[in-house]
Amino acid sequence: MPIKIVTDSGANMTAGNLGSCQLEVAALSLIQGDKTWLDDASFDQAEFNQRAKDGIAASSSCPSISAWLDAYAGGSEIYVVTISSVLSGSYNSAVQAAKIYQEEYPDALIHVFDSKSAGPAQFLAAEKIAELKEKGMQFPDLVEAVSDYLENHVRIFFALKSMTNLANNGRVSPAVAKIAGLLKIWVYGWAEEGEIKPLGKARGEKKTLAALLRTLEEKGYRGGRVKIDHADNFDSAAELHDLIRKKRPEARVDLGTCRALCSFYAEAGGLMIGVEI
């Protein structure tokens, strides 16, 4: 039976192999009027955007217990990394599914991590699990190591041009979202204990990325692993990549794209940055 790493789709990952482990993804959903979109390959961004332009509001929903059970199926050793429990019910759903799975397969080893983050920070945690398994680390030690990694050594930052969808779904205050709605104003910040915390604002891309890099360093970044996911804004993601590499040539910095859920909340042009500190 395979060793599995399982995330929800908030990690912006797709199923496949991660090192010697099998990667599975449980899809979150976007609910738009009478239509429910799964955050998977079936998602139609163009149609979703058109319905949004037509004034149809949207919200999100966590993976069902059955979706988690499908992702766990066949695993003998399973590591689960969910989006922040403050932002979604995904963690609670994954935990309930884990209890059911262990009742049916009492010899299975399974642990659910609350990432207290999202997107590329979840990715870094999944990557860390695969790395430690490659080194032969056993289940209890790995759980302890990754718990420490998530608590003390990985953070999620963001730079957003709009926070309307976050505000409409209760993730930030309307007053904060209003700032991001002003002409060319970006809001940047991080997640603290799983909650979205704006740290500042800047006008235009150049000033925003410079401020973001300073913020990373103020929060403890010293050249560790970085993953940048963008919502249809490769140019800004690439510019931030170059700024980090110029300051920290030793850093490994990769780019990725936001899937449906993260694109919905980051909105067009938004950046999500997972950072090892």
Protein backbone atom coordinates (compact mmCIF):
# COMPACT_ATOMS: atom_id res chain seq x y z
CA MET A 1 0.00 0.00 0.00
CA PRO A 2 1.39 3.43 -0.93
CA ILE A 3 2.51 6.26 1.29
CA LYS A 4 0.21 9.17 0.53
CA ILE A 5 0.46 12.92 0.87
CA VAL A 6 -2.99 14.48 0.61
CA THR A 7 -3.82 18.18 0.30
CA ASP A 8 -6.96 20.08 -0.48
CA SER A 9 -6.98 22.10 -3.69
CA GLY A 10 -6.10 25.21 -1.71
CA ALA A 11 -2.49 24.04 -2.07
CA ASN A 12 -2.56 24.72 -5.85
CA MET A 13 -1.27 21.20 -6.53
CA THR A 14 -2.39 18.38 -8.82
CA ALA A 15 -2.41 14.66 -8.12
CA GLY A 16 0.62 12.63 -9.10
CA ASN A 17 3.89 11.63 -7.48
CA LEU A 18 5.86 13.68 -4.99
CA GLY A 19 9.18 11.96 -4.43
CA SER A 20 8.40 8.37 -3.53
CA CYS A 21 4.96 9.34 -2.21
CA GLN A 22 1.62 9.39 -3.99
CA LEU A 23 0.03 12.85 -4.00
CA GLU A 24 -3.76 13.14 -3.85
CA VAL A 25 -5.87 16.31 -3.90
CA ALA A 26 -9.35 16.77 -2.40
CA ALA A 27 -11.19 19.50 -4.29
CA LEU A 28 -12.77 22.47 -2.60
CA SER A 29 -15.79 23.99 -4.31
CA LEU A 30 -16.95 27.38 -5.49
CA ILE A 31 -20.70 27.93 -5.28
CA GLN A 32 -22.03 30.48 -7.74
CA GLY A 33 -25.78 30.86 -7.69
CA ASP A 34 -27.31 27.51 -8.64
CA LYS A 35 -24.00 26.13 -9.93
CA THR A 36 -21.30 24.37 -7.92
CA TRP A 37 -17.80 24.28 -9.36
CA LEU A 38 -15.24 21.75 -8.19
CA ASP A 39 -11.71 23.12 -7.97
CA ASP A 40 -10.31 20.53 -10.35
CA ALA A 41 -9.66 20.07 -14.06
CA SER A 42 -13.37 20.50 -14.83
CA PHE A 43 -13.39 24.13 -13.64
CA ASP A 44 -14.20 26.60 -16.44
CA GLN A 45 -12.59 29.92 -15.53
CA ALA A 46 -14.08 31.77 -18.51
CA GLU A 47 -17.65 30.74 -17.67
CA PHE A 48 -17.09 31.45 -13.98
CA ASN A 49 -15.81 34.95 -14.82
CA GLN A 50 -18.75 35.64 -17.13
CA ARG A 51 -21.26 34.63 -14.44
CA ALA A 52 -19.42 36.91 -12.00
CA LYS A 53 -19.68 39.80 -14.49
CA ASP A 54 -23.41 39.05 -14.70
CA GLY A 55 -23.61 39.74 -10.96
CA ILE A 56 -23.82 36.18 -9.66
CA ALA A 57 -22.06 36.13 -6.28
CA ALA A 58 -19.85 33.23 -5.25
CA SER A 59 -18.70 31.55 -2.06
CA SER A 60 -16.50 28.57 -1.26
CA SER A 61 -17.06 25.20 0.38
CA CYS A 62 -14.64 22.66 1.85
CA PRO A 63 -14.18 19.10 0.54
CA SER A 64 -16.76 16.64 1.79
CA ILE A 65 -15.82 13.78 4.12
CA SER A 66 -16.38 11.39 1.21
CA ALA A 67 -13.97 13.40 -0.97
CA TRP A 68 -11.30 13.05 1.71
CA LEU A 69 -12.00 9.33 2.07
CA ASP A 70 -11.59 8.89 -1.68
CA ALA A 71 -8.21 10.65 -1.44
CA TYR A 72 -7.11 8.45 1.49
CA ALA A 73 -8.23 5.21 -0.19
CA GLY A 74 -5.54 2.55 -0.38
CA GLY A 75 -3.02 4.42 1.76
CA SER A 76 -1.19 2.72 4.61
CA GLU A 77 0.66 5.85 5.76
CA ILE A 78 -1.10 9.13 5.05
CA TYR A 79 -0.06 12.73 5.67
CA VAL A 80 -2.74 15.38 5.14
CA VAL A 81 -2.10 19.12 4.78
CA THR A 82 -5.15 21.39 4.78
CA ILE A 83 -5.76 25.06 4.22
CA SER A 84 -6.00 27.09 7.44
CA SER A 85 -8.82 25.97 9.73
CA VAL A 86 -9.55 29.66 10.38
CA LEU A 87 -10.38 30.17 6.69
CA SER A 88 -12.15 26.91 5.87
CA GLY A 89 -13.84 23.83 7.31
CA SER A 90 -11.43 21.69 5.28
CA TYR A 91 -9.34 20.70 8.32
CA ASN A 92 -12.35 19.55 10.36
CA SER A 93 -13.71 17.58 7.40
CA ALA A 94 -10.31 15.92 6.86
CA VAL A 95 -10.07 14.99 10.55
CA GLN A 96 -13.53 13.42 10.55
CA ALA A 97 -12.62 11.44 7.44
CA ALA A 98 -9.37 10.31 9.07
CA LYS A 99 -11.30 8.93 12.07
CA ILE A 100 -13.62 6.99 9.77
CA TYR A 101 -10.69 5.67 7.73
CA GLN A 102 -8.86 4.45 10.81
CA GLU A 103 -11.97 2.71 12.10
CA GLU A 104 -12.08 0.74 8.85
CA TYR A 105 -8.30 0.29 8.59
CA PRO A 106 -6.96 0.26 12.17
CA ASP A 107 -3.39 -0.46 11.05
CA ALA A 108 -3.23 2.64 8.87
CA LEU A 109 -1.16 5.59 10.03
CA ILE A 110 -2.73 8.96 9.31
CA HIS A 111 -2.16 12.51 10.52
CA VAL A 112 -3.90 15.73 9.53
CA PHE A 113 -1.89 18.96 9.67
CA ASP A 114 -3.63 22.33 9.89
CA SER A 115 -1.24 24.41 7.77
CA LYS A 116 -2.62 27.67 9.22
CA SER A 117 -1.89 28.99 5.75
CA ALA A 118 -2.81 28.30 2.13
CA GLY A 119 -1.49 27.85 -1.39
CA PRO A 120 2.29 27.76 -1.73
CA ALA A 121 2.88 27.35 2.02
CA GLN A 122 0.83 24.14 1.89
CA PHE A 123 2.95 23.14 -1.10
CA LEU A 124 6.15 23.65 0.89
CA ALA A 125 4.79 21.48 3.71
CA ALA A 126 3.88 18.70 1.27
CA GLU A 127 7.32 18.97 -0.30
CA LYS A 128 8.92 18.75 3.17
CA ILE A 129 6.98 15.56 3.95
CA ALA A 130 8.22 13.96 0.72
CA GLU A 131 11.78 15.05 1.47
CA LEU A 132 11.72 13.53 4.97
CA LYS A 133 10.24 10.27 3.68
CA GLU A 134 13.05 10.09 1.12
CA LYS A 135 15.45 10.25 4.07
CA GLY A 136 13.65 7.33 5.69
CA MET A 137 12.03 9.22 8.58
CA GLN A 138 9.38 7.20 10.36
CA PHE A 139 5.80 8.30 11.03
CA PRO A 140 5.97 9.70 14.60
CA ASP A 141 9.22 11.58 13.99
CA LEU A 142 7.95 12.95 10.71
CA VAL A 143 4.72 14.19 12.29
CA GLU A 144 6.75 15.99 14.95
CA ALA A 145 9.18 17.46 12.40
CA VAL A 146 6.47 18.73 10.04
CA SER A 147 4.40 20.13 12.91
CA ASP A 148 7.47 22.15 13.94
CA TYR A 149 8.09 23.16 10.31
CA LEU A 150 4.57 24.53 9.93
CA GLU A 151 4.60 26.24 13.31
CA ASN A 152 8.04 27.83 13.16
CA HIS A 153 9.61 27.68 9.70
CA VAL A 154 7.08 28.37 6.94
CA ARG A 155 4.88 31.40 6.36
CA ILE A 156 2.43 32.63 3.72
CA PHE A 157 2.54 36.21 2.41
CA PHE A 158 0.35 37.94 -0.16
CA ALA A 159 0.12 40.99 -2.37
CA LEU A 160 -3.36 41.71 -3.70
CA LYS A 161 -4.90 44.25 -6.05
CA SER A 162 -8.41 43.49 -4.84
CA MET A 163 -9.84 41.98 -1.66
CA THR A 164 -13.50 42.14 -2.61
CA ASN A 165 -14.10 38.39 -2.57
CA LEU A 166 -12.27 38.02 0.76
CA ALA A 167 -14.47 40.74 2.26
CA ASN A 168 -17.70 39.38 0.76
CA ASN A 169 -16.97 36.01 2.34
CA GLY A 170 -15.97 37.33 5.76
CA ARG A 171 -12.20 36.74 5.53
CA VAL A 172 -11.23 40.44 5.89
CA SER A 173 -13.08 43.60 6.88
CA PRO A 174 -14.81 45.68 4.18
CA ALA A 175 -12.70 48.67 5.27
CA VAL A 176 -9.47 46.85 4.42
CA ALA A 177 -10.92 45.65 1.11
CA LYS A 178 -11.89 49.20 0.21
CA ILE A 179 -8.22 50.26 0.32
CA ALA A 180 -7.26 47.58 -2.20
CA GLY A 181 -10.03 48.81 -4.48
CA LEU A 182 -8.40 52.22 -4.94
CA LEU A 183 -6.61 52.94 -8.19
CA LYS A 184 -3.28 51.05 -8.42
CA ILE A 185 -3.19 50.35 -4.66
CA TRP A 186 -1.97 46.92 -3.60
CA VAL A 187 -2.38 45.52 -0.10
CA TYR A 188 0.32 43.18 1.17
CA GLY A 189 0.52 41.09 4.32
CA TRP A 190 0.69 37.58 5.74
CA ALA A 191 -1.30 34.97 7.62
CA GLU A 192 -0.80 35.03 11.39
CA GLU A 193 -2.19 32.04 13.29
CA GLY A 194 -4.17 31.22 10.18
CA GLU A 195 -5.83 34.64 9.86
CA ILE A 196 -5.22 37.10 7.02
CA LYS A 197 -3.35 40.12 8.37
CA PRO A 198 -2.65 43.11 6.08
CA LEU A 199 0.68 44.73 6.90
CA GLY A 200 0.77 47.65 4.50
CA LYS A 201 -0.23 49.16 1.18
CA ALA A 202 1.68 50.52 -1.79
CA ARG A 203 0.91 52.16 -5.11
CA GLY A 204 1.98 50.22 -8.19
CA GLU A 205 3.86 46.99 -8.75
CA LYS A 206 7.42 48.24 -8.20
CA LYS A 207 6.77 49.78 -4.78
CA THR A 208 4.62 46.82 -3.73
CA LEU A 209 7.22 44.19 -4.55
CA ALA A 210 9.99 46.20 -2.86
CA ALA A 211 7.83 46.58 0.26
CA LEU A 212 6.97 42.89 0.17
CA LEU A 213 10.62 41.88 0.02
CA ARG A 214 11.40 44.12 3.00
CA THR A 215 8.50 42.54 4.87
CA LEU A 216 9.77 39.03 4.18
CA GLU A 217 13.12 39.94 5.68
CA GLU A 218 11.53 41.70 8.67
CA LYS A 219 9.61 38.49 9.37
CA GLY A 220 12.75 36.36 9.30
CA TYR A 221 13.45 35.38 5.70
CA ARG A 222 17.16 34.59 5.23
CA GLY A 223 17.37 32.77 1.90
CA GLY A 224 15.19 29.69 2.43
CA ARG A 225 12.84 28.01 -0.02
CA VAL A 226 10.23 30.21 -1.73
CA LYS A 227 7.19 29.30 -3.84
CA ILE A 228 5.28 32.11 -5.58
CA ASP A 229 1.80 31.39 -6.95
CA HIS A 230 0.08 34.01 -9.08
CA ALA A 231 -3.47 34.67 -10.25
CA ASP A 232 -2.93 35.46 -13.93
CA ASN A 233 0.06 37.71 -13.20
CA PHE A 234 3.21 35.92 -14.31
CA ASP A 235 5.12 39.18 -14.87
CA SER A 236 4.83 40.36 -11.26
CA ALA A 237 5.61 36.87 -9.96
CA ALA A 238 8.72 36.72 -12.15
CA GLU A 239 9.80 40.20 -11.01
CA LEU A 240 9.49 39.18 -7.36
CA HIS A 241 11.44 36.00 -8.15
CA ASP A 242 14.25 38.13 -9.59
CA LEU A 243 14.26 40.54 -6.64
CA ILE A 244 14.58 37.69 -4.17
CA ARG A 245 17.32 35.97 -6.16
CA LYS A 246 19.22 39.22 -6.50
CA LYS A 247 19.17 39.69 -2.73
CA ARG A 248 19.57 35.99 -1.91
CA PRO A 249 21.38 34.23 -4.80
CA GLU A 250 21.39 30.94 -2.88
CA ALA A 251 17.60 30.83 -2.60
CA ARG A 252 15.52 28.31 -4.50
CA VAL A 253 12.51 30.21 -5.80
CA ASP A 254 9.83 28.57 -7.95
CA LEU A 255 6.75 29.98 -9.67
CA GLY A 256 3.31 28.43 -9.91
CA THR A 257 -0.27 29.36 -10.72
CA CYS A 258 -3.29 29.63 -8.47
CA ARG A 259 -6.06 27.12 -8.99
CA ALA A 260 -9.75 28.06 -8.83
CA LEU A 261 -10.13 28.64 -5.09
CA CYS A 262 -6.94 30.66 -4.64
CA SER A 263 -7.62 32.60 -7.85
CA PHE A 264 -11.08 33.48 -6.50
CA TYR A 265 -9.70 34.91 -3.27
CA ALA A 266 -6.41 36.35 -4.57
CA GLU A 267 -8.36 37.82 -7.54
CA ALA A 268 -6.82 38.89 -10.83
CA GLY A 269 -3.20 39.93 -10.43
CA GLY A 270 -2.79 38.65 -6.88
CA LEU A 271 0.34 36.93 -5.56
CA MET A 272 0.67 34.30 -2.83
CA ILE A 273 4.17 33.62 -1.50
CA GLY A 274 5.16 30.61 0.60
CA VAL A 275 8.44 31.21 2.43
CA GLU A 276 10.79 29.22 4.63
CA ILE A 277 12.11 31.32 7.51
